[in-house]
Amino acid sequence: MSQTKQLVDTLKKALKAHGRTYADVSRHLDLSEASVKRLFSERSFSLQRLDQACQMIGMEISDLVRLMQDGLRAPITSLSVEQERELASDVELLLVAVCVLNRWTFEQIVGFYHISETRCIQHLARLDRLKLIELLPRNRIKLLVATNFKWREDGPIQRFYQEKLEADFFRSRFAKEHERLIVINGMLADSSNAVFQRKLEQLVREFDELNLDDSQLPFERRHGTTVVLALRRWQYGLFDSFRKKGGSG
C-alpha cells in the first residue's frame, strides 16, 4: 500500500476515534457527503483538504504522519482507579486536568487562574505521565482521550464531586436563560427504563459533539457548562481561590 493510501486510511481511523462522521467532514469541507465518501474510497485527498480534515480534530498533517508510522493508538476512554485517586488527591492538579479536558491552552490556564507557569508545567507533566495528554514543545497540549471519555462510575473523581461540589451546583434557582432544571417522575417498566437510559447516553454523545465543535471557537465565547439532568452555567466553587480577579467562564 502506498504512503498516500496509508495516510488517508490513518485519517479515517483518527476521525472515527474522535467520533467524526462523513457528514461532519462534508460540512467542514463544504462538499456533499457522496463526494467525501469518494475522496476516502479513492484516497484522492488534495494536501489542502487533508489539512482541513486534520484541523477538525485538532491535528496537523505531521501528527497524522506520526500516527501512520507508529500505528494508531486508541484514545483512552477512562482512567484507572489509582490514576483517578491521584487526581482527586490534588485539587490544583484536578483543576488543570479539567481545563485540558475542556481543551484549554497553557496560556489560558495560567492567564485565568493563580497558577504559576512552573506549577502548571509540573501539573501538565503529571498529566502526560498519566497519558491524559502529550505535552509538546512550547507547552502545547495534545489531548489523548476519546470523545466518550468519562470518569469511572462511583470512582474517586465522581465521589469527590458528589462530596464537595453537589451543594454548590444546586445553589441556584435555575431561572437564568442559560439554566434549566427539569424534575419529572413516573412509573416505568424495566424495559422503558432501559430505553430512557439509552436516550440519555445519546444525549451525552450529542453534548460531547457540541463540546468538540465549540472547542474551535474563541475562548471568551465558551462557558463552563455542567449537566446533571439539569443545566446551568457553572464553575467549580472549590476552585474559586485559584481564579484571578475578574475571571469568568
C-alpha atoms as a PDB file:
ATOM      1  CA  MET A   1       0.000   0.000   0.000  1.00  0.00           C
ATOM      2  CA  SER A   2       1.403   3.442  -0.924  1.00  0.00           C
ATOM      3  CA  GLN A   3       2.088   6.003   1.775  1.00  0.00           C
ATOM      4  CA  THR A   4      -0.713   8.208   0.413  1.00  0.00           C
ATOM      5  CA  LYS A   5      -3.240   5.393   0.882  1.00  0.00           C
ATOM      6  CA  GLN A   6      -1.886   4.670   4.365  1.00  0.00           C
ATOM      7  CA  LEU A   7      -2.149   8.337   5.275  1.00  0.00           C
ATOM      8  CA  VAL A   8      -5.796   8.579   4.182  1.00  0.00           C
ATOM      9  CA  ASP A   9      -6.618   5.321   5.987  1.00  0.00           C
ATOM     10  CA  THR A  10      -4.966   6.717   9.131  1.00  0.00           C
ATOM     11  CA  LEU A  11      -7.035   9.885   8.791  1.00  0.00           C
ATOM     12  CA  LYS A  12     -10.196   7.798   8.547  1.00  0.00           C
ATOM     13  CA  LYS A  13      -9.284   5.923  11.745  1.00  0.00           C
ATOM     14  CA  ALA A  14      -8.395   9.150  13.544  1.00  0.00           C
ATOM     15  CA  LEU A  15     -11.722  10.761  12.590  1.00  0.00           C
ATOM     16  CA  LYS A  16     -13.582   7.684  13.821  1.00  0.00           C
ATOM     17  CA  ALA A  17     -11.635   7.743  17.104  1.00  0.00           C
ATOM     18  CA  HIS A  18     -12.779  11.340  17.583  1.00  0.00           C
ATOM     19  CA  GLY A  19     -16.406  10.477  16.834  1.00  0.00           C
ATOM     20  CA  ARG A  20     -16.446  12.246  13.457  1.00  0.00           C
ATOM     21  CA  THR A  21     -18.583  11.004  10.554  1.00  0.00           C
ATOM     22  CA  TYR A  22     -18.614  11.518   6.780  1.00  0.00           C
ATOM     23  CA  ALA A  23     -21.402  14.041   7.330  1.00  0.00           C
ATOM     24  CA  ASP A  24     -19.179  16.048   9.706  1.00  0.00           C
ATOM     25  CA  VAL A  25     -16.351  16.037   7.160  1.00  0.00           C
ATOM     26  CA  SER A  26     -18.687  17.069   4.338  1.00  0.00           C
ATOM     27  CA  ARG A  27     -19.889  20.092   6.314  1.00  0.00           C
ATOM     28  CA  HIS A  28     -16.348  21.090   7.266  1.00  0.00           C
ATOM     29  CA  LEU A  29     -15.047  20.789   3.683  1.00  0.00           C
ATOM     30  CA  ASP A  30     -18.234  22.247   2.154  1.00  0.00           C
ATOM     31  CA  LEU A  31     -18.713  19.153  -0.016  1.00  0.00           C
ATOM     32  CA  SER A  32     -21.525  16.675  -0.468  1.00  0.00           C
ATOM     33  CA  GLU A  33     -21.369  13.546   1.667  1.00  0.00           C
ATOM     34  CA  ALA A  34     -21.121  11.473  -1.523  1.00  0.00           C
ATOM     35  CA  SER A  35     -18.059  13.471  -2.592  1.00  0.00           C
ATOM     36  CA  VAL A  36     -16.418  12.893   0.790  1.00  0.00           C
ATOM     37  CA  LYS A  37     -17.069   9.152   0.600  1.00  0.00           C
ATOM     38  CA  ARG A  38     -15.484   9.148  -2.858  1.00  0.00           C
ATOM     39  CA  LEU A  39     -12.417  11.005  -1.544  1.00  0.00           C
ATOM     40  CA  PHE A  40     -11.920   8.292   1.066  1.00  0.00           C
ATOM     41  CA  SER A  41     -12.679   5.340  -1.211  1.00  0.00           C
ATOM     42  CA  GLU A  42     -10.374   6.636  -3.957  1.00  0.00           C
ATOM     43  CA  ARG A  43      -7.903   8.075  -1.402  1.00  0.00           C
ATOM     44  CA  SER A  44      -7.707  11.193  -3.558  1.00  0.00           C
ATOM     45  CA  PHE A  45      -7.351  13.982  -0.980  1.00  0.00           C
ATOM     46  CA  SER A  46      -5.505  17.126  -2.010  1.00  0.00           C
ATOM     47  CA  LEU A  47      -2.976  18.424   0.511  1.00  0.00           C
ATOM     48  CA  GLN A  48      -5.290  21.346   1.346  1.00  0.00           C
ATOM     49  CA  ARG A  49      -8.303  19.124   2.025  1.00  0.00           C
ATOM     50  CA  LEU A  50      -6.165  16.708   4.024  1.00  0.00           C
ATOM     51  CA  ASP A  51      -5.029  19.627   6.182  1.00  0.00           C
ATOM     52  CA  GLN A  52      -8.621  20.859   6.606  1.00  0.00           C
ATOM     53  CA  ALA A  53      -9.791  17.408   7.706  1.00  0.00           C
ATOM     54  CA  CYS A  54      -6.947  17.191  10.216  1.00  0.00           C
ATOM     55  CA  GLN A  55      -7.911  20.586  11.658  1.00  0.00           C
ATOM     56  CA  MET A  56     -11.370  19.200  12.512  1.00  0.00           C
ATOM     57  CA  ILE A  57      -9.786  17.045  15.220  1.00  0.00           C
ATOM     58  CA  GLY A  58      -7.046  19.445  16.292  1.00  0.00           C
ATOM     59  CA  MET A  59      -4.272  17.704  14.354  1.00  0.00           C
ATOM     60  CA  GLU A  60      -1.569  18.732  11.928  1.00  0.00           C
ATOM     61  CA  ILE A  61      -0.552  16.644   8.932  1.00  0.00           C
ATOM     62  CA  SER A  62       2.703  15.936  10.792  1.00  0.00           C
ATOM     63  CA  ASP A  63       0.631  14.394  13.604  1.00  0.00           C
ATOM     64  CA  LEU A  64      -1.114  12.204  11.045  1.00  0.00           C
ATOM     65  CA  VAL A  65       2.227  11.058   9.623  1.00  0.00           C
ATOM     66  CA  ARG A  66       3.424  10.157  13.121  1.00  0.00           C
ATOM     67  CA  LEU A  67       0.247   8.159  13.745  1.00  0.00           C
ATOM     68  CA  MET A  68       0.742   6.363  10.440  1.00  0.00           C
ATOM     69  CA  GLN A  69       4.317   5.491  11.344  1.00  0.00           C
ATOM     70  CA  ASP A  70       3.636   4.441  14.939  1.00  0.00           C
ATOM     71  CA  GLY A  71       0.250   2.826  14.363  1.00  0.00           C
ATOM     72  CA  LEU A  72      -2.946   4.497  15.555  1.00  0.00           C
ATOM     73  CA  ARG A  73      -3.070   4.373  19.336  1.00  0.00           C
ATOM     74  CA  ALA A  74      -6.630   4.077  20.581  1.00  0.00           C
ATOM     75  CA  PRO A  75      -7.522   7.133  22.694  1.00  0.00           C
ATOM     76  CA  ILE A  76      -8.303   6.327  26.312  1.00  0.00           C
ATOM     77  CA  THR A  77     -11.911   6.314  27.474  1.00  0.00           C
ATOM     78  CA  SER A  78     -11.261   6.217  31.243  1.00  0.00           C
ATOM     79  CA  LEU A  79      -8.534   6.194  33.871  1.00  0.00           C
ATOM     80  CA  SER A  80      -7.710   3.508  36.391  1.00  0.00           C
ATOM     81  CA  VAL A  81      -8.886   3.859  39.988  1.00  0.00           C
ATOM     82  CA  GLU A  82      -5.294   4.656  41.020  1.00  0.00           C
ATOM     83  CA  GLN A  83      -4.973   7.378  38.380  1.00  0.00           C
ATOM     84  CA  GLU A  84      -8.263   8.985  39.419  1.00  0.00           C
ATOM     85  CA  ARG A  85      -7.205   8.786  43.057  1.00  0.00           C
ATOM     86  CA  GLU A  86      -4.021  10.693  42.212  1.00  0.00           C
ATOM     87  CA  LEU A  87      -6.057  13.461  40.566  1.00  0.00           C
ATOM     88  CA  ALA A  88      -8.581  13.639  43.404  1.00  0.00           C
ATOM     89  CA  SER A  89      -5.788  13.981  45.979  1.00  0.00           C
ATOM     90  CA  ASP A  90      -4.515  17.263  44.489  1.00  0.00           C
ATOM     91  CA  VAL A  91      -7.120  19.962  43.835  1.00  0.00           C
ATOM     92  CA  GLU A  92      -4.781  22.097  41.726  1.00  0.00           C
ATOM     93  CA  LEU A  93      -3.836  19.108  39.563  1.00  0.00           C
ATOM     94  CA  LEU A  94      -7.520  18.234  39.140  1.00  0.00           C
ATOM     95  CA  LEU A  95      -8.253  21.818  38.107  1.00  0.00           C
ATOM     96  CA  VAL A  96      -5.594  21.671  35.380  1.00  0.00           C
ATOM     97  CA  ALA A  97      -6.935  18.272  34.270  1.00  0.00           C
ATOM     98  CA  VAL A  98     -10.479  19.646  33.971  1.00  0.00           C
ATOM     99  CA  CYS A  99      -9.140  22.585  31.937  1.00  0.00           C
ATOM    100  CA  VAL A 100      -7.225  20.440  29.456  1.00  0.00           C
ATOM    101  CA  LEU A 101     -10.159  18.060  29.078  1.00  0.00           C
ATOM    102  CA  ASN A 102     -12.105  21.144  28.002  1.00  0.00           C
ATOM    103  CA  ARG A 103      -9.298  21.976  25.537  1.00  0.00           C
ATOM    104  CA  TRP A 104      -7.826  24.985  27.327  1.00  0.00           C
ATOM    105  CA  THR A 105      -4.352  26.046  26.252  1.00  0.00           C
ATOM    106  CA  PHE A 106      -1.423  26.533  28.625  1.00  0.00           C
ATOM    107  CA  GLU A 107      -1.718  30.308  28.200  1.00  0.00           C
ATOM    108  CA  GLN A 108      -5.439  30.254  29.024  1.00  0.00           C
ATOM    109  CA  ILE A 109      -4.881  28.241  32.221  1.00  0.00           C
ATOM    110  CA  VAL A 110      -2.147  30.487  33.661  1.00  0.00           C
ATOM    111  CA  GLY A 111      -3.951  33.595  32.428  1.00  0.00           C
ATOM    112  CA  PHE A 112      -7.244  32.670  34.097  1.00  0.00           C
ATOM    113  CA  TYR A 113      -6.073  31.057  37.356  1.00  0.00           C
ATOM    114  CA  HIS A 114      -3.499  31.892  40.022  1.00  0.00           C
ATOM    115  CA  ILE A 115      -1.213  29.075  38.954  1.00  0.00           C
ATOM    116  CA  SER A 116       2.377  29.923  38.084  1.00  0.00           C
ATOM    117  CA  GLU A 117       3.831  28.793  34.774  1.00  0.00           C
ATOM    118  CA  THR A 118       6.235  26.484  36.624  1.00  0.00           C
ATOM    119  CA  ARG A 119       3.446  24.850  38.640  1.00  0.00           C
ATOM    120  CA  CYS A 120       1.268  24.496  35.570  1.00  0.00           C
ATOM    121  CA  ILE A 121       4.070  22.808  33.632  1.00  0.00           C
ATOM    122  CA  GLN A 122       4.608  20.414  36.555  1.00  0.00           C
ATOM    123  CA  HIS A 123       0.911  19.502  36.534  1.00  0.00           C
ATOM    124  CA  LEU A 124       0.916  19.060  32.759  1.00  0.00           C
ATOM    125  CA  ALA A 125       3.930  16.771  33.070  1.00  0.00           C
ATOM    126  CA  ARG A 126       1.978  14.631  35.554  1.00  0.00           C
ATOM    127  CA  LEU A 127      -0.999  14.518  33.185  1.00  0.00           C
ATOM    128  CA  ASP A 128       1.403  13.472  30.423  1.00  0.00           C
ATOM    129  CA  ARG A 129       2.627  10.640  32.662  1.00  0.00           C
ATOM    130  CA  LEU A 130      -1.000   9.645  33.286  1.00  0.00           C
ATOM    131  CA  LYS A 131      -1.455   9.531  29.468  1.00  0.00           C
ATOM    132  CA  LEU A 132      -4.264  12.100  29.524  1.00  0.00           C
ATOM    133  CA  ILE A 133      -2.214  14.428  27.331  1.00  0.00           C
ATOM    134  CA  GLU A 134       1.025  14.665  25.425  1.00  0.00           C
ATOM    135  CA  LEU A 135       2.990  17.744  26.468  1.00  0.00           C
ATOM    136  CA  LEU A 136       4.556  19.165  23.321  1.00  0.00           C
ATOM    137  CA  PRO A 137       7.299  21.783  22.816  1.00  0.00           C
ATOM    138  CA  ARG A 138       6.412  25.361  23.832  1.00  0.00           C
ATOM    139  CA  ASN A 139       3.898  23.915  26.333  1.00  0.00           C
ATOM    140  CA  ARG A 140       1.405  22.953  23.664  1.00  0.00           C
ATOM    141  CA  ILE A 141      -1.097  20.336  24.823  1.00  0.00           C
ATOM    142  CA  LYS A 142      -2.270  17.369  22.786  1.00  0.00           C
ATOM    143  CA  LEU A 143      -5.316  15.684  24.325  1.00  0.00           C
ATOM    144  CA  LEU A 144      -5.149  11.874  24.193  1.00  0.00           C
ATOM    145  CA  VAL A 145      -8.643  10.977  25.422  1.00  0.00           C
ATOM    146  CA  ALA A 146     -11.548   9.730  23.338  1.00  0.00           C
ATOM    147  CA  THR A 147     -14.634  11.860  22.766  1.00  0.00           C
ATOM    148  CA  ASN A 148     -16.561   9.473  25.033  1.00  0.00           C
ATOM    149  CA  PHE A 149     -14.028   9.750  27.871  1.00  0.00           C
ATOM    150  CA  LYS A 150     -15.695   9.745  31.263  1.00  0.00           C
ATOM    151  CA  TRP A 151     -14.849   9.378  34.928  1.00  0.00           C
ATOM    152  CA  ARG A 152     -15.332   5.930  36.458  1.00  0.00           C
ATOM    153  CA  GLU A 153     -18.766   5.114  37.837  1.00  0.00           C
ATOM    154  CA  ASP A 154     -18.590   5.621  41.612  1.00  0.00           C
ATOM    155  CA  GLY A 155     -14.854   6.193  41.205  1.00  0.00           C
ATOM    156  CA  PRO A 156     -12.639   8.644  43.127  1.00  0.00           C
ATOM    157  CA  ILE A 157     -13.496  11.632  40.899  1.00  0.00           C
ATOM    158  CA  GLN A 158     -17.264  11.066  40.940  1.00  0.00           C
ATOM    159  CA  ARG A 159     -17.189  10.644  44.720  1.00  0.00           C
ATOM    160  CA  PHE A 160     -15.049  13.770  45.035  1.00  0.00           C
ATOM    161  CA  TYR A 161     -17.613  15.791  43.080  1.00  0.00           C
ATOM    162  CA  GLN A 162     -20.544  14.346  44.986  1.00  0.00           C
ATOM    163  CA  GLU A 163     -18.989  15.072  48.369  1.00  0.00           C
ATOM    164  CA  LYS A 164     -17.617  18.556  47.722  1.00  0.00           C
ATOM    165  CA  LEU A 165     -19.497  20.077  44.792  1.00  0.00           C
ATOM    166  CA  GLU A 166     -23.067  18.775  44.884  1.00  0.00           C
ATOM    167  CA  ALA A 167     -24.395  21.533  47.169  1.00  0.00           C
ATOM    168  CA  ASP A 168     -22.606  24.215  45.164  1.00  0.00           C
ATOM    169  CA  PHE A 169     -24.168  23.024  41.903  1.00  0.00           C
ATOM    170  CA  PHE A 170     -27.735  23.228  43.197  1.00  0.00           C
ATOM    171  CA  ARG A 171     -27.237  26.598  44.882  1.00  0.00           C
ATOM    172  CA  SER A 172     -29.307  28.253  42.174  1.00  0.00           C
ATOM    173  CA  ARG A 173     -32.953  28.942  41.288  1.00  0.00           C
ATOM    174  CA  PHE A 174     -32.190  27.883  37.671  1.00  0.00           C
ATOM    175  CA  ALA A 175     -34.066  30.967  36.463  1.00  0.00           C
ATOM    176  CA  LYS A 176     -31.488  32.455  34.061  1.00  0.00           C
ATOM    177  CA  GLU A 177     -31.809  31.895  30.330  1.00  0.00           C
ATOM    178  CA  HIS A 178     -28.727  29.666  30.212  1.00  0.00           C
ATOM    179  CA  GLU A 179     -30.030  27.482  33.082  1.00  0.00           C
ATOM    180  CA  ARG A 180     -32.661  24.777  33.160  1.00  0.00           C
ATOM    181  CA  LEU A 181     -33.881  22.451  35.880  1.00  0.00           C
ATOM    182  CA  ILE A 182     -36.254  19.640  34.929  1.00  0.00           C
ATOM    183  CA  VAL A 183     -37.802  17.360  37.531  1.00  0.00           C
ATOM    184  CA  ILE A 184     -40.034  14.562  36.270  1.00  0.00           C
ATOM    185  CA  ASN A 185     -41.399  11.433  37.869  1.00  0.00           C
ATOM    186  CA  GLY A 186     -43.483   8.484  36.835  1.00  0.00           C
ATOM    187  CA  MET A 187     -43.697   4.702  36.953  1.00  0.00           C
ATOM    188  CA  LEU A 188     -41.643   2.921  34.308  1.00  0.00           C
ATOM    189  CA  ALA A 189     -41.223  -0.740  33.481  1.00  0.00           C
ATOM    190  CA  ASP A 190     -37.650  -2.047  33.413  1.00  0.00           C
ATOM    191  CA  SER A 191     -37.757  -2.087  29.609  1.00  0.00           C
ATOM    192  CA  SER A 192     -38.848   1.568  29.467  1.00  0.00           C
ATOM    193  CA  ASN A 193     -36.186   2.492  31.989  1.00  0.00           C
ATOM    194  CA  ALA A 194     -33.577   0.892  29.704  1.00  0.00           C
ATOM    195  CA  VAL A 195     -34.929   2.805  26.695  1.00  0.00           C
ATOM    196  CA  PHE A 196     -34.718   6.091  28.573  1.00  0.00           C
ATOM    197  CA  GLN A 197     -31.153   5.356  29.684  1.00  0.00           C
ATOM    198  CA  ARG A 198     -30.164   4.772  26.052  1.00  0.00           C
ATOM    199  CA  LYS A 199     -31.670   8.131  25.153  1.00  0.00           C
ATOM    200  CA  LEU A 200     -29.626   9.732  27.919  1.00  0.00           C
ATOM    201  CA  GLU A 201     -26.475   8.137  26.502  1.00  0.00           C
ATOM    202  CA  GLN A 202     -27.364   9.579  23.095  1.00  0.00           C
ATOM    203  CA  LEU A 203     -27.791  12.998  24.700  1.00  0.00           C
ATOM    204  CA  VAL A 204     -24.330  12.635  26.254  1.00  0.00           C
ATOM    205  CA  ARG A 205     -22.852  11.878  22.820  1.00  0.00           C
ATOM    206  CA  GLU A 206     -24.560  14.948  21.361  1.00  0.00           C
ATOM    207  CA  PHE A 207     -23.174  17.081  24.205  1.00  0.00           C
ATOM    208  CA  ASP A 208     -19.674  15.714  23.507  1.00  0.00           C
ATOM    209  CA  GLU A 209     -20.034  16.553  19.798  1.00  0.00           C
ATOM    210  CA  LEU A 210     -21.112  20.118  20.597  1.00  0.00           C
ATOM    211  CA  ASN A 211     -18.246  20.457  23.060  1.00  0.00           C
ATOM    212  CA  LEU A 212     -15.779  19.313  20.394  1.00  0.00           C
ATOM    213  CA  ASP A 213     -17.269  21.625  17.761  1.00  0.00           C
ATOM    214  CA  ASP A 214     -17.188  24.611  20.113  1.00  0.00           C
ATOM    215  CA  SER A 215     -13.546  23.986  21.008  1.00  0.00           C
ATOM    216  CA  GLN A 216     -12.773  25.768  17.710  1.00  0.00           C
ATOM    217  CA  LEU A 217     -14.492  28.966  18.911  1.00  0.00           C
ATOM    218  CA  PRO A 218     -12.635  31.839  20.625  1.00  0.00           C
ATOM    219  CA  PHE A 219     -12.025  31.121  24.302  1.00  0.00           C
ATOM    220  CA  GLU A 220     -14.171  34.031  25.528  1.00  0.00           C
ATOM    221  CA  ARG A 221     -17.244  32.672  23.703  1.00  0.00           C
ATOM    222  CA  ARG A 222     -17.196  29.370  25.632  1.00  0.00           C
ATOM    223  CA  HIS A 223     -18.583  28.929  29.142  1.00  0.00           C
ATOM    224  CA  GLY A 224     -18.138  26.140  31.657  1.00  0.00           C
ATOM    225  CA  THR A 225     -21.361  24.126  31.492  1.00  0.00           C
ATOM    226  CA  THR A 226     -22.385  21.089  33.556  1.00  0.00           C
ATOM    227  CA  VAL A 227     -25.313  18.739  33.021  1.00  0.00           C
ATOM    228  CA  VAL A 228     -26.817  16.576  35.769  1.00  0.00           C
ATOM    229  CA  LEU A 229     -30.263  16.225  34.207  1.00  0.00           C
ATOM    230  CA  ALA A 230     -30.150  19.911  34.892  1.00  0.00           C
ATOM    231  CA  LEU A 231     -28.236  22.598  33.048  1.00  0.00           C
ATOM    232  CA  ARG A 232     -26.670  25.825  34.220  1.00  0.00           C
ATOM    233  CA  ARG A 233     -23.592  27.888  33.552  1.00  0.00           C
ATOM    234  CA  TRP A 234     -21.352  26.888  36.387  1.00  0.00           C
ATOM    235  CA  GLN A 235     -17.775  26.854  37.611  1.00  0.00           C
ATOM    236  CA  TYR A 236     -16.477  24.695  40.445  1.00  0.00           C
ATOM    237  CA  GLY A 237     -16.688  26.775  43.615  1.00  0.00           C
ATOM    238  CA  LEU A 238     -13.859  24.705  45.031  1.00  0.00           C
ATOM    239  CA  PHE A 239     -11.530  26.350  42.522  1.00  0.00           C
ATOM    240  CA  ASP A 240     -12.545  29.944  43.341  1.00  0.00           C
ATOM    241  CA  SER A 241      -9.366  30.593  45.335  1.00  0.00           C
ATOM    242  CA  PHE A 242      -7.298  29.951  42.204  1.00  0.00           C
ATOM    243  CA  ARG A 243      -9.327  32.238  39.944  1.00  0.00           C
ATOM    244  CA  LYS A 244      -7.889  35.602  39.039  1.00  0.00           C
ATOM    245  CA  LYS A 245      -9.868  38.729  39.842  1.00  0.00           C
ATOM    246  CA  GLY A 246     -12.374  39.486  37.092  1.00  0.00           C
ATOM    247  CA  GLY A 247     -12.144  35.994  35.592  1.00  0.00           C
ATOM    248  CA  SER A 248     -15.310  34.335  34.349  1.00  0.00           C
ATOM    249  CA  GLY A 249     -16.139  31.183  32.485  1.00  0.00           C
END
